[in-house]
Amino acid sequence: MSAPVSANLAQIGKSVVIKGELSGSEDLYVDGQVEGSIALKNHSLTVGPNGQIKASIEAKGIVVQGKLEGNVQASDRVDLRKSAVVSGDIVTQRISIEEGAYLKGKVDIQGKAEKAAGK
């Protein structure tokens, strides 16, 4: 699978290893390794099929095709593809889990009223 094409898309290749805090104001495609935290408040994160993430994540939308270990908070949507392996809690408004995806953790679906109240 290739990375989604967008004018504002940053990519981390499969040979790249990052440890620490990662933040940005554009969509991010990760096919490498990230350990720490990822903050993309109004943007999307895609974990490619070779991606290995050990981080707490905060983003608008998250698509997982690889391995993700850590808690996830998405203001819009989380999409777990069939090759996804996720260990951690997910907080989001909408979630999609394809057949074959692995999820170990809690899923908390929040409505817009709950989000606005800051719960």
PDB file of N, CA and C in Angstrom:
ATOM      1  N   MET A   1       0.835  -1.188   0.000  1.00  0.00           N
ATOM      2  CA  MET A   1       0.000   0.000   0.000  1.00  0.00           C
ATOM      3  C   MET A   1       0.873   1.242   0.000  1.00  0.00           C
ATOM      4  N   SER A   2       0.504   2.194  -0.761  1.00  0.00           N
ATOM      5  CA  SER A   2       1.280   3.429  -0.796  1.00  0.00           C
ATOM      6  C   SER A   2       0.650   4.469   0.112  1.00  0.00           C
ATOM      7  N   ALA A   3       1.428   5.485   0.420  1.00  0.00           N
ATOM      8  CA  ALA A   3       0.953   6.558   1.285  1.00  0.00           C
ATOM      9  C   ALA A   3      -0.114   7.378   0.569  1.00  0.00           C
ATOM     10  N   PRO A   4      -1.098   7.874   1.315  1.00  0.00           N
ATOM     11  CA  PRO A   4      -2.101   8.730   0.691  1.00  0.00           C
ATOM     12  C   PRO A   4      -1.448  10.005   0.165  1.00  0.00           C
ATOM     13  N   VAL A   5      -1.920  10.502  -0.969  1.00  0.00           N
ATOM     14  CA  VAL A   5      -1.325  11.682  -1.585  1.00  0.00           C
ATOM     15  C   VAL A   5      -2.079  12.928  -1.140  1.00  0.00           C
ATOM     16  N   SER A   6      -1.348  13.875  -0.579  1.00  0.00           N
ATOM     17  CA  SER A   6      -1.931  15.132  -0.112  1.00  0.00           C
ATOM     18  C   SER A   6      -0.865  16.216  -0.189  1.00  0.00           C
ATOM     19  N   ALA A   7      -1.297  17.460  -0.379  1.00  0.00           N
ATOM     20  CA  ALA A   7      -0.352  18.569  -0.454  1.00  0.00           C
ATOM     21  C   ALA A   7       0.331  18.785   0.895  1.00  0.00           C
ATOM     22  N   ASN A   8      -0.389  18.598   1.991  1.00  0.00           N
ATOM     23  CA  ASN A   8       0.163  18.806   3.331  1.00  0.00           C
ATOM     24  C   ASN A   8       0.293  17.480   4.062  1.00  0.00           C
ATOM     25  N   LEU A   9       1.184  16.617   3.571  1.00  0.00           N
ATOM     26  CA  LEU A   9       1.378  15.300   4.179  1.00  0.00           C
ATOM     27  C   LEU A   9       2.858  15.094   4.469  1.00  0.00           C
ATOM     28  N   ALA A  10       3.183  14.920   5.739  1.00  0.00           N
ATOM     29  CA  ALA A  10       4.551  14.584   6.122  1.00  0.00           C
ATOM     30  C   ALA A  10       4.657  13.072   6.199  1.00  0.00           C
ATOM     31  N   GLN A  11       5.809  12.529   5.800  1.00  0.00           N
ATOM     32  CA  GLN A  11       5.996  11.081   5.802  1.00  0.00           C
ATOM     33  C   GLN A  11       7.230  10.700   6.597  1.00  0.00           C
ATOM     34  N   ILE A  12       7.099   9.613   7.358  1.00  0.00           N
ATOM     35  CA  ILE A  12       8.228   9.038   8.068  1.00  0.00           C
ATOM     36  C   ILE A  12       8.422   7.640   7.488  1.00  0.00           C
ATOM     37  N   GLY A  13       9.540   7.430   6.816  1.00  0.00           N
ATOM     38  CA  GLY A  13       9.814   6.173   6.122  1.00  0.00           C
ATOM     39  C   GLY A  13      10.089   5.019   7.057  1.00  0.00           C
ATOM     40  N   LYS A  14      10.113   3.794   6.492  1.00  0.00           N
ATOM     41  CA  LYS A  14      10.221   2.610   7.330  1.00  0.00           C
ATOM     42  C   LYS A  14      11.588   2.433   7.990  1.00  0.00           C
ATOM     43  N   SER A  15      12.621   3.140   7.544  1.00  0.00           N
ATOM     44  CA  SER A  15      13.926   3.013   8.192  1.00  0.00           C
ATOM     45  C   SER A  15      14.148   4.075   9.273  1.00  0.00           C
ATOM     46  N   VAL A  16      13.169   4.963   9.482  1.00  0.00           N
ATOM     47  CA  VAL A  16      13.323   6.070  10.437  1.00  0.00           C
ATOM     48  C   VAL A  16      12.804   5.652  11.814  1.00  0.00           C
ATOM     49  N   VAL A  17      13.599   5.987  12.855  1.00  0.00           N
ATOM     50  CA  VAL A  17      13.224   5.723  14.248  1.00  0.00           C
ATOM     51  C   VAL A  17      13.219   7.056  14.984  1.00  0.00           C
ATOM     52  N   ILE A  18      12.105   7.369  15.642  1.00  0.00           N
ATOM     53  CA  ILE A  18      11.975   8.630  16.388  1.00  0.00           C
ATOM     54  C   ILE A  18      11.605   8.305  17.825  1.00  0.00           C
ATOM     55  N   LYS A  19      12.328   8.917  18.779  1.00  0.00           N
ATOM     56  CA  LYS A  19      12.012   8.783  20.200  1.00  0.00           C
ATOM     57  C   LYS A  19      11.829  10.186  20.755  1.00  0.00           C
ATOM     58  N   GLY A  20      10.650  10.431  21.346  1.00  0.00           N
ATOM     59  CA  GLY A  20      10.371  11.737  21.924  1.00  0.00           C
ATOM     60  C   GLY A  20       8.985  12.229  21.561  1.00  0.00           C
ATOM     61  N   GLU A  21       8.812  13.552  21.603  1.00  0.00           N
ATOM     62  CA  GLU A  21       7.527  14.162  21.307  1.00  0.00           C
ATOM     63  C   GLU A  21       7.470  14.568  19.842  1.00  0.00           C
ATOM     64  N   LEU A  22       6.388  14.190  19.185  1.00  0.00           N
ATOM     65  CA  LEU A  22       6.192  14.501  17.775  1.00  0.00           C
ATOM     66  C   LEU A  22       4.893  15.298  17.655  1.00  0.00           C
ATOM     67  N   SER A  23       4.968  16.497  17.081  1.00  0.00           N
ATOM     68  CA  SER A  23       3.758  17.299  16.895  1.00  0.00           C
ATOM     69  C   SER A  23       3.851  18.001  15.558  1.00  0.00           C
ATOM     70  N   GLY A  24       2.691  18.423  15.046  1.00  0.00           N
ATOM     71  CA  GLY A  24       2.703  19.099  13.761  1.00  0.00           C
ATOM     72  C   GLY A  24       1.351  19.666  13.406  1.00  0.00           C
ATOM     73  N   SER A  25       1.344  20.422  12.317  1.00  0.00           N
ATOM     74  CA  SER A  25       0.101  21.025  11.836  1.00  0.00           C
ATOM     75  C   SER A  25      -0.143  20.609  10.388  1.00  0.00           C
ATOM     76  N   GLU A  26       0.090  19.332  10.116  1.00  0.00           N
ATOM     77  CA  GLU A  26      -0.222  18.736   8.824  1.00  0.00           C
ATOM     78  C   GLU A  26      -0.455  17.249   9.046  1.00  0.00           C
ATOM     79  N   ASP A  27      -1.057  16.594   8.063  1.00  0.00           N
ATOM     80  CA  ASP A  27      -1.297  15.156   8.168  1.00  0.00           C
ATOM     81  C   ASP A  27       0.043  14.418   8.174  1.00  0.00           C
ATOM     82  N   LEU A  28       0.083  13.268   8.848  1.00  0.00           N
ATOM     83  CA  LEU A  28       1.333  12.526   8.998  1.00  0.00           C
ATOM     84  C   LEU A  28       1.117  11.057   8.636  1.00  0.00           C
ATOM     85  N   TYR A  29       2.051  10.518   7.842  1.00  0.00           N
ATOM     86  CA  TYR A  29       2.066   9.100   7.473  1.00  0.00           C
ATOM     87  C   TYR A  29       3.329   8.491   8.070  1.00  0.00           C
ATOM     88  N   VAL A  30       3.167   7.507   8.951  1.00  0.00           N
ATOM     89  CA  VAL A  30       4.306   6.888   9.626  1.00  0.00           C
ATOM     90  C   VAL A  30       4.424   5.434   9.186  1.00  0.00           C
ATOM     91  N   ASP A  31       5.560   5.097   8.572  1.00  0.00           N
ATOM     92  CA  ASP A  31       5.830   3.714   8.207  1.00  0.00           C
ATOM     93  C   ASP A  31       7.069   3.218   8.958  1.00  0.00           C
ATOM     94  N   GLY A  32       7.600   4.050   9.841  1.00  0.00           N
ATOM     95  CA  GLY A  32       8.772   3.693  10.634  1.00  0.00           C
ATOM     96  C   GLY A  32       8.379   3.457  12.079  1.00  0.00           C
ATOM     97  N   GLN A  33       9.315   3.762  12.996  1.00  0.00           N
ATOM     98  CA  GLN A  33       9.082   3.551  14.423  1.00  0.00           C
ATOM     99  C   GLN A  33       9.040   4.878  15.151  1.00  0.00           C
ATOM    100  N   VAL A  34       8.029   5.042  16.016  1.00  0.00           N
ATOM    101  CA  VAL A  34       7.925   6.231  16.852  1.00  0.00           C
ATOM    102  C   VAL A  34       7.648   5.773  18.278  1.00  0.00           C
ATOM    103  N   GLU A  35       8.416   6.343  19.226  1.00  0.00           N
ATOM    104  CA  GLU A  35       8.244   6.029  20.633  1.00  0.00           C
ATOM    105  C   GLU A  35       8.164   7.337  21.388  1.00  0.00           C
ATOM    106  N   GLY A  36       7.085   7.550  22.137  1.00  0.00           N
ATOM    107  CA  GLY A  36       6.912   8.789  22.893  1.00  0.00           C
ATOM    108  C   GLY A  36       5.489   9.281  22.833  1.00  0.00           C
ATOM    109  N   SER A  37       5.285  10.453  22.200  1.00  0.00           N
ATOM    110  CA  SER A  37       3.931  10.978  22.055  1.00  0.00           C
ATOM    111  C   SER A  37       3.787  11.659  20.701  1.00  0.00           C
ATOM    112  N   ILE A  38       2.562  11.615  20.172  1.00  0.00           N
ATOM    113  CA  ILE A  38       2.253  12.240  18.890  1.00  0.00           C
ATOM    114  C   ILE A  38       1.040  13.138  19.082  1.00  0.00           C
ATOM    115  N   ALA A  39       1.168  14.421  18.724  1.00  0.00           N
ATOM    116  CA  ALA A  39       0.067  15.383  18.861  1.00  0.00           C
ATOM    117  C   ALA A  39      -0.169  16.070  17.515  1.00  0.00           C
ATOM    118  N   LEU A  40      -1.298  15.769  16.895  1.00  0.00           N
ATOM    119  CA  LEU A  40      -1.704  16.379  15.626  1.00  0.00           C
ATOM    120  C   LEU A  40      -3.156  16.824  15.789  1.00  0.00           C
ATOM    121  N   LYS A  41      -3.382  17.864  16.581  1.00  0.00           N
ATOM    122  CA  LYS A  41      -4.723  18.259  17.024  1.00  0.00           C
ATOM    123  C   LYS A  41      -5.785  18.271  15.936  1.00  0.00           C
ATOM    124  N   ASN A  42      -5.575  18.986  14.843  1.00  0.00           N
ATOM    125  CA  ASN A  42      -6.600  19.113  13.805  1.00  0.00           C
ATOM    126  C   ASN A  42      -6.219  18.381  12.526  1.00  0.00           C
ATOM    127  N   HIS A  43      -5.378  17.360  12.658  1.00  0.00           N
ATOM    128  CA  HIS A  43      -4.897  16.656  11.471  1.00  0.00           C
ATOM    129  C   HIS A  43      -4.928  15.149  11.687  1.00  0.00           C
ATOM    130  N   SER A  44      -4.647  14.412  10.633  1.00  0.00           N
ATOM    131  CA  SER A  44      -4.771  12.959  10.659  1.00  0.00           C
ATOM    132  C   SER A  44      -3.424  12.267  10.751  1.00  0.00           C
ATOM    133  N   LEU A  45      -3.443  11.093  11.368  1.00  0.00           N
ATOM    134  CA  LEU A  45      -2.267  10.236  11.453  1.00  0.00           C
ATOM    135  C   LEU A  45      -2.601   8.913  10.782  1.00  0.00           C
ATOM    136  N   THR A  46      -1.725   8.471   9.888  1.00  0.00           N
ATOM    137  CA  THR A  46      -1.860   7.154   9.275  1.00  0.00           C
ATOM    138  C   THR A  46      -0.633   6.344   9.655  1.00  0.00           C
ATOM    139  N   VAL A  47      -0.862   5.184  10.272  1.00  0.00           N
ATOM    140  CA  VAL A  47       0.218   4.265  10.602  1.00  0.00           C
ATOM    141  C   VAL A  47       0.250   3.233   9.485  1.00  0.00           C
ATOM    142  N   GLY A  48       1.304   3.265   8.683  1.00  0.00           N
ATOM    143  CA  GLY A  48       1.436   2.366   7.538  1.00  0.00           C
ATOM    144  C   GLY A  48       1.623   0.922   7.961  1.00  0.00           C
ATOM    145  N   PRO A  49       1.610   0.002   7.003  1.00  0.00           N
ATOM    146  CA  PRO A  49       1.721  -1.427   7.314  1.00  0.00           C
ATOM    147  C   PRO A  49       3.023  -1.820   8.000  1.00  0.00           C
ATOM    148  N   ASN A  50       4.100  -1.051   7.815  1.00  0.00           N
ATOM    149  CA  ASN A  50       5.375  -1.320   8.480  1.00  0.00           C
ATOM    150  C   ASN A  50       5.552  -0.494   9.747  1.00  0.00           C
ATOM    151  N   GLY A  51       4.596   0.390  10.042  1.00  0.00           N
ATOM    152  CA  GLY A  51       4.695   1.292  11.184  1.00  0.00           C
ATOM    153  C   GLY A  51       4.614   0.567  12.511  1.00  0.00           C
ATOM    154  N   GLN A  52       5.459   1.006  13.452  1.00  0.00           N
ATOM    155  CA  GLN A  52       5.458   0.476  14.813  1.00  0.00           C
ATOM    156  C   GLN A  52       5.486   1.660  15.763  1.00  0.00           C
ATOM    157  N   ILE A  53       4.355   1.894  16.428  1.00  0.00           N
ATOM    158  CA  ILE A  53       4.207   3.061  17.290  1.00  0.00           C
ATOM    159  C   ILE A  53       4.040   2.620  18.734  1.00  0.00           C
ATOM    160  N   LYS A  54       4.836   3.211  19.625  1.00  0.00           N
ATOM    161  CA  LYS A  54       4.663   3.045  21.075  1.00  0.00           C
ATOM    162  C   LYS A  54       4.524   4.460  21.611  1.00  0.00           C
ATOM    163  N   ALA A  55       3.287   4.973  21.595  1.00  0.00           N
ATOM    164  CA  ALA A  55       3.092   6.371  21.946  1.00  0.00           C
ATOM    165  C   ALA A  55       1.649   6.644  22.325  1.00  0.00           C
ATOM    166  N   SER A  56       1.461   7.720  23.090  1.00  0.00           N
ATOM    167  CA  SER A  56       0.115   8.239  23.289  1.00  0.00           C
ATOM    168  C   SER A  56      -0.144   9.179  22.112  1.00  0.00           C
ATOM    169  N   ILE A  57      -1.349   9.090  21.538  1.00  0.00           N
ATOM    170  CA  ILE A  57      -1.646   9.822  20.312  1.00  0.00           C
ATOM    171  C   ILE A  57      -2.874  10.687  20.494  1.00  0.00           C
ATOM    172  N   GLU A  58      -2.787  11.925  20.020  1.00  0.00           N
ATOM    173  CA  GLU A  58      -3.934  12.822  19.966  1.00  0.00           C
ATOM    174  C   GLU A  58      -3.983  13.399  18.561  1.00  0.00           C
ATOM    175  N   ALA A  59      -5.074  13.116  17.831  1.00  0.00           N
ATOM    176  CA  ALA A  59      -5.218  13.579  16.452  1.00  0.00           C
ATOM    177  C   ALA A  59      -6.696  13.685  16.104  1.00  0.00           C
ATOM    178  N   LYS A  60      -6.973  14.270  14.950  1.00  0.00           N
ATOM    179  CA  LYS A  60      -8.364  14.367  14.488  1.00  0.00           C
ATOM    180  C   LYS A  60      -8.844  13.015  13.969  1.00  0.00           C
ATOM    181  N   GLY A  61      -8.063  12.410  13.100  1.00  0.00           N
ATOM    182  CA  GLY A  61      -8.396  11.104  12.546  1.00  0.00           C
ATOM    183  C   GLY A  61      -7.179  10.210  12.572  1.00  0.00           C
ATOM    184  N   ILE A  62      -7.393   8.922  12.841  1.00  0.00           N
ATOM    185  CA  ILE A  62      -6.277   7.980  12.921  1.00  0.00           C
ATOM    186  C   ILE A  62      -6.625   6.724  12.131  1.00  0.00           C
ATOM    187  N   VAL A  63      -5.738   6.337  11.215  1.00  0.00           N
ATOM    188  CA  VAL A  63      -5.881   5.098  10.457  1.00  0.00           C
ATOM    189  C   VAL A  63      -4.692   4.219  10.828  1.00  0.00           C
ATOM    190  N   VAL A  64      -4.971   2.990  11.251  1.00  0.00           N
ATOM    191  CA  VAL A  64      -3.893   2.085  11.671  1.00  0.00           C
ATOM    192  C   VAL A  64      -3.869   0.865  10.759  1.00  0.00           C
ATOM    193  N   GLN A  65      -2.697   0.637  10.145  1.00  0.00           N
ATOM    194  CA  GLN A  65      -2.473  -0.565   9.342  1.00  0.00           C
ATOM    195  C   GLN A  65      -1.381  -1.426   9.970  1.00  0.00           C
ATOM    196  N   GLY A  66      -0.549  -0.823  10.814  1.00  0.00           N
ATOM    197  CA  GLY A  66       0.573  -1.523  11.433  1.00  0.00           C
ATOM    198  C   GLY A  66       0.329  -1.776  12.909  1.00  0.00           C
ATOM    199  N   LYS A  67       1.392  -1.643  13.730  1.00  0.00           N
ATOM    200  CA  LYS A  67       1.319  -1.924  15.159  1.00  0.00           C
ATOM    201  C   LYS A  67       1.283  -0.624  15.949  1.00  0.00           C
ATOM    202  N   LEU A  68       0.383  -0.577  16.918  1.00  0.00           N
ATOM    203  CA  LEU A  68       0.231   0.608  17.759  1.00  0.00           C
ATOM    204  C   LEU A  68       0.055   0.176  19.202  1.00  0.00           C
ATOM    205  N   GLU A  69       0.926   0.685  20.074  1.00  0.00           N
ATOM    206  CA  GLU A  69       0.837   0.402  21.500  1.00  0.00           C
ATOM    207  C   GLU A  69       0.771   1.725  22.227  1.00  0.00           C
ATOM    208  N   GLY A  70      -0.362   1.988  22.870  1.00  0.00           N
ATOM    209  CA  GLY A  70      -0.543   3.241  23.589  1.00  0.00           C
ATOM    210  C   GLY A  70      -1.977   3.719  23.489  1.00  0.00           C
ATOM    211  N   ASN A  71      -2.295   4.725  24.282  1.00  0.00           N
ATOM    212  CA  ASN A  71      -3.649   5.258  24.300  1.00  0.00           C
ATOM    213  C   ASN A  71      -3.847   6.252  23.156  1.00  0.00           C
ATOM    214  N   VAL A  72      -5.056   6.230  22.598  1.00  0.00           N
ATOM    215  CA  VAL A  72      -5.376   7.022  21.415  1.00  0.00           C
ATOM    216  C   VAL A  72      -6.572   7.912  21.707  1.00  0.00           C
ATOM    217  N   GLN A  73      -6.462   9.186  21.347  1.00  0.00           N
ATOM    218  CA  GLN A  73      -7.603  10.095  21.455  1.00  0.00           C
ATOM    219  C   GLN A  73      -7.773  10.779  20.110  1.00  0.00           C
ATOM    220  N   ALA A  74      -8.909  10.499  19.459  1.00  0.00           N
ATOM    221  CA  ALA A  74      -9.201  11.082  18.148  1.00  0.00           C
ATOM    222  C   ALA A  74     -10.457  11.930  18.261  1.00  0.00           C
ATOM    223  N   SER A  75     -10.395  13.175  17.807  1.00  0.00           N
ATOM    224  CA  SER A  75     -11.563  14.054  17.902  1.00  0.00           C
ATOM    225  C   SER A  75     -12.628  13.687  16.879  1.00  0.00           C
ATOM    226  N   ASP A  76     -12.264  12.939  15.819  1.00  0.00           N
ATOM    227  CA  ASP A  76     -13.246  12.566  14.806  1.00  0.00           C
ATOM    228  C   ASP A  76     -13.405  11.057  14.672  1.00  0.00           C
ATOM    229  N   ARG A  77     -12.364  10.355  14.172  1.00  0.00           N
ATOM    230  CA  ARG A  77     -12.548   8.954  13.789  1.00  0.00           C
ATOM    231  C   ARG A  77     -11.261   8.141  13.950  1.00  0.00           C
ATOM    232  N   VAL A  78     -11.431   6.853  14.300  1.00  0.00           N
ATOM    233  CA  VAL A  78     -10.342   5.883  14.322  1.00  0.00           C
ATOM    234  C   VAL A  78     -10.728   4.752  13.382  1.00  0.00           C
ATOM    235  N   ASP A  79      -9.808   4.373  12.517  1.00  0.00           N
ATOM    236  CA  ASP A  79     -10.056   3.340  11.512  1.00  0.00           C
ATOM    237  C   ASP A  79      -8.971   2.269  11.662  1.00  0.00           C
ATOM    238  N   LEU A  80      -9.363   1.068  12.100  1.00  0.00           N
ATOM    239  CA  LEU A  80      -8.413  -0.038  12.250  1.00  0.00           C
ATOM    240  C   LEU A  80      -8.570  -0.964  11.057  1.00  0.00           C
ATOM    241  N   ARG A  81      -7.539  -1.024  10.217  1.00  0.00           N
ATOM    242  CA  ARG A  81      -7.569  -1.874   9.031  1.00  0.00           C
ATOM    243  C   ARG A  81      -7.273  -3.313   9.418  1.00  0.00           C
ATOM    244  N   LYS A  82      -7.451  -4.249   8.493  1.00  0.00           N
ATOM    245  CA  LYS A  82      -7.346  -5.683   8.823  1.00  0.00           C
ATOM    246  C   LYS A  82      -5.966  -6.083   9.327  1.00  0.00           C
ATOM    247  N   SER A  83      -4.914  -5.353   8.960  1.00  0.00           N
ATOM    248  CA  SER A  83      -3.562  -5.698   9.404  1.00  0.00           C
ATOM    249  C   SER A  83      -3.176  -5.002  10.714  1.00  0.00           C
ATOM    250  N   ALA A  84      -4.091  -4.235  11.318  1.00  0.00           N
ATOM    251  CA  ALA A  84      -3.796  -3.458  12.533  1.00  0.00           C
ATOM    252  C   ALA A  84      -3.663  -4.355  13.759  1.00  0.00           C
ATOM    253  N   VAL A  85      -2.695  -4.016  14.614  1.00  0.00           N
ATOM    254  CA  VAL A  85      -2.522  -4.652  15.914  1.00  0.00           C
ATOM    255  C   VAL A  85      -2.422  -3.515  16.926  1.00  0.00           C
ATOM    256  N   VAL A  86      -3.471  -3.345  17.734  1.00  0.00           N
ATOM    257  CA  VAL A  86      -3.550  -2.202  18.647  1.00  0.00           C
ATOM    258  C   VAL A  86      -3.701  -2.684  20.083  1.00  0.00           C
ATOM    259  N   SER A  87      -2.820  -2.174  20.961  1.00  0.00           N
ATOM    260  CA  SER A  87      -2.909  -2.430  22.396  1.00  0.00           C
ATOM    261  C   SER A  87      -2.998  -1.081  23.087  1.00  0.00           C
ATOM    262  N   GLY A  88      -4.160  -0.773  23.637  1.00  0.00           N
ATOM    263  CA  GLY A  88      -4.343   0.502  24.317  1.00  0.00           C
ATOM    264  C   GLY A  88      -5.782   0.962  24.228  1.00  0.00           C
ATOM    265  N   ASP A  89      -6.105   1.977  25.013  1.00  0.00           N
ATOM    266  CA  ASP A  89      -7.465   2.496  25.060  1.00  0.00           C
ATOM    267  C   ASP A  89      -7.686   3.520  23.953  1.00  0.00           C
ATOM    268  N   ILE A  90      -8.907   3.532  23.412  1.00  0.00           N
ATOM    269  CA  ILE A  90      -9.266   4.438  22.323  1.00  0.00           C
ATOM    270  C   ILE A  90     -10.438   5.304  22.764  1.00  0.00           C
ATOM    271  N   VAL A  91     -10.305   6.626  22.602  1.00  0.00           N
ATOM    272  CA  VAL A  91     -11.395   7.565  22.841  1.00  0.00           C
ATOM    273  C   VAL A  91     -11.646   8.293  21.529  1.00  0.00           C
ATOM    274  N   THR A  92     -12.881   8.207  21.012  1.00  0.00           N
ATOM    275  CA  THR A  92     -13.195   8.811  19.720  1.00  0.00           C
ATOM    276  C   THR A  92     -14.701   8.996  19.584  1.00  0.00           C
ATOM    277  N   GLN A  93     -15.125   9.687  18.528  1.00  0.00           N
ATOM    278  CA  GLN A  93     -16.553   9.824  18.238  1.00  0.00           C
ATOM    279  C   GLN A  93     -17.039   8.688  17.352  1.00  0.00           C
ATOM    280  N   ARG A  94     -16.162   8.238  16.421  1.00  0.00           N
ATOM    281  CA  ARG A  94     -16.529   7.165  15.493  1.00  0.00           C
ATOM    282  C   ARG A  94     -15.359   6.204  15.367  1.00  0.00           C
ATOM    283  N   ILE A  95     -15.685   4.904  15.190  1.00  0.00           N
ATOM    284  CA  ILE A  95     -14.623   3.910  15.020  1.00  0.00           C
ATOM    285  C   ILE A  95     -15.045   2.890  13.974  1.00  0.00           C
ATOM    286  N   SER A  96     -14.062   2.422  13.219  1.00  0.00           N
ATOM    287  CA  SER A  96     -14.282   1.380  12.225  1.00  0.00           C
ATOM    288  C   SER A  96     -13.206   0.326  12.434  1.00  0.00           C
ATOM    289  N   ILE A  97     -13.631  -0.928  12.590  1.00  0.00           N
ATOM    290  CA  ILE A  97     -12.687  -2.023  12.805  1.00  0.00           C
ATOM    291  C   ILE A  97     -12.941  -3.087  11.747  1.00  0.00           C
ATOM    292  N   GLU A  98     -11.974  -3.267  10.842  1.00  0.00           N
ATOM    293  CA  GLU A  98     -12.119  -4.283   9.802  1.00  0.00           C
ATOM    294  C   GLU A  98     -11.927  -5.674  10.400  1.00  0.00           C
ATOM    295  N   GLU A  99     -12.533  -6.662   9.751  1.00  0.00           N
ATOM    296  CA  GLU A  99     -12.373  -8.044  10.167  1.00  0.00           C
ATOM    297  C   GLU A  99     -10.902  -8.431  10.044  1.00  0.00           C
ATOM    298  N   GLY A 100     -10.358  -9.017  11.098  1.00  0.00           N
ATOM    299  CA  GLY A 100      -8.952  -9.408  11.105  1.00  0.00           C
ATOM    300  C   GLY A 100      -8.091  -8.486  11.937  1.00  0.00           C
ATOM    301  N   ALA A 101      -8.572  -7.281  12.244  1.00  0.00           N
ATOM    302  CA  ALA A 101      -7.812  -6.351  13.082  1.00  0.00           C
ATOM    303  C   ALA A 101      -7.800  -6.863  14.521  1.00  0.00           C
ATOM    304  N   TYR A 102      -6.715  -6.561  15.249  1.00  0.00           N
ATOM    305  CA  TYR A 102      -6.572  -6.975  16.643  1.00  0.00           C
ATOM    306  C   TYR A 102      -6.627  -5.745  17.521  1.00  0.00           C
ATOM    307  N   LEU A 103      -7.474  -5.784  18.548  1.00  0.00           N
ATOM    308  CA  LEU A 103      -7.588  -4.672  19.486  1.00  0.00           C
ATOM    309  C   LEU A 103      -7.659  -5.217  20.896  1.00  0.00           C
ATOM    310  N   LYS A 104      -6.724  -4.769  21.744  1.00  0.00           N
ATOM    311  CA  LYS A 104      -6.763  -5.111  23.161  1.00  0.00           C
ATOM    312  C   LYS A 104      -6.784  -3.804  23.921  1.00  0.00           C
ATOM    313  N   GLY A 105      -7.929  -3.487  24.499  1.00  0.00           N
ATOM    314  CA  GLY A 105      -8.073  -2.238  25.229  1.00  0.00           C
ATOM    315  C   GLY A 105      -9.526  -1.832  25.288  1.00  0.00           C
ATOM    316  N   LYS A 106      -9.757  -0.654  25.803  1.00  0.00           N
ATOM    317  CA  LYS A 106     -11.107  -0.132  25.992  1.00  0.00           C
ATOM    318  C   LYS A 106     -11.417   0.862  24.887  1.00  0.00           C
ATOM    319  N   VAL A 107     -12.661   0.843  24.412  1.00  0.00           N
ATOM    320  CA  VAL A 107     -13.110   1.816  23.420  1.00  0.00           C
ATOM    321  C   VAL A 107     -14.167   2.692  24.065  1.00  0.00           C
ATOM    322  N   ASP A 108     -13.965   4.002  24.035  1.00  0.00           N
ATOM    323  CA  ASP A 108     -14.906   4.959  24.605  1.00  0.00           C
ATOM    324  C   ASP A 108     -15.415   5.847  23.466  1.00  0.00           C
ATOM    325  N   ILE A 109     -16.681   5.662  23.095  1.00  0.00           N
ATOM    326  CA  ILE A 109     -17.286   6.467  22.040  1.00  0.00           C
ATOM    327  C   ILE A 109     -17.921   7.685  22.689  1.00  0.00           C
ATOM    328  N   GLN A 110     -17.439   8.868  22.323  1.00  0.00           N
ATOM    329  CA  GLN A 110     -17.970  10.101  22.891  1.00  0.00           C
ATOM    330  C   GLN A 110     -18.815  10.824  21.866  1.00  0.00           C
ATOM    331  N   GLY A 111     -19.967  11.287  22.316  1.00  0.00           N
ATOM    332  CA  GLY A 111     -20.808  12.114  21.467  1.00  0.00           C
ATOM    333  C   GLY A 111     -20.303  13.537  21.453  1.00  0.00           C
ATOM    334  N   LYS A 112     -20.834  14.353  20.559  1.00  0.00           N
ATOM    335  CA  LYS A 112     -20.392  15.749  20.468  1.00  0.00           C
ATOM    336  C   LYS A 112     -20.708  16.525  21.746  1.00  0.00           C
ATOM    337  N   ALA A 113     -21.822  16.211  22.409  1.00  0.00           N
ATOM    338  CA  ALA A 113     -22.191  16.895  23.640  1.00  0.00           C
ATOM    339  C   ALA A 113     -21.176  16.610  24.751  1.00  0.00           C
ATOM    340  N   GLU A 114     -20.718  15.338  24.843  1.00  0.00           N
ATOM    341  CA  GLU A 114     -19.723  14.970  25.849  1.00  0.00           C
ATOM    342  C   GLU A 114     -18.401  15.682  25.602  1.00  0.00           C
ATOM    343  N   LYS A 115     -18.010  15.753  24.320  1.00  0.00           N
ATOM    344  CA  LYS A 115     -16.745  16.403  23.972  1.00  0.00           C
ATOM    345  C   LYS A 115     -16.785  17.881  24.301  1.00  0.00           C
ATOM    346  N   ALA A 116     -17.912  18.536  23.999  1.00  0.00           N
ATOM    347  CA  ALA A 116     -18.047  19.969  24.258  1.00  0.00           C
ATOM    348  C   ALA A 116     -18.033  20.254  25.767  1.00  0.00           C
ATOM    349  N   ALA A 117     -18.563  19.339  26.551  1.00  0.00           N
ATOM    350  CA  ALA A 117     -18.589  19.509  27.997  1.00  0.00           C
ATOM    351  C   ALA A 117     -17.229  19.208  28.625  1.00  0.00           C
ATOM    352  N   GLY A 118     -16.313  18.618  27.839  1.00  0.00           N
ATOM    353  CA  GLY A 118     -14.964  18.328  28.322  1.00  0.00           C
ATOM    354  C   GLY A 118     -14.883  17.088  29.171  1.00  0.00           C
ATOM    355  N   LYS A 119     -15.774  16.137  28.970  1.00  0.00           N
ATOM    356  CA  LYS A 119     -15.754  14.906  29.756  1.00  0.00           C
ATOM    357  C   LYS A 119     -14.718  13.948  29.229  1.00  0.00           C
TER     358      LYS A 119
END
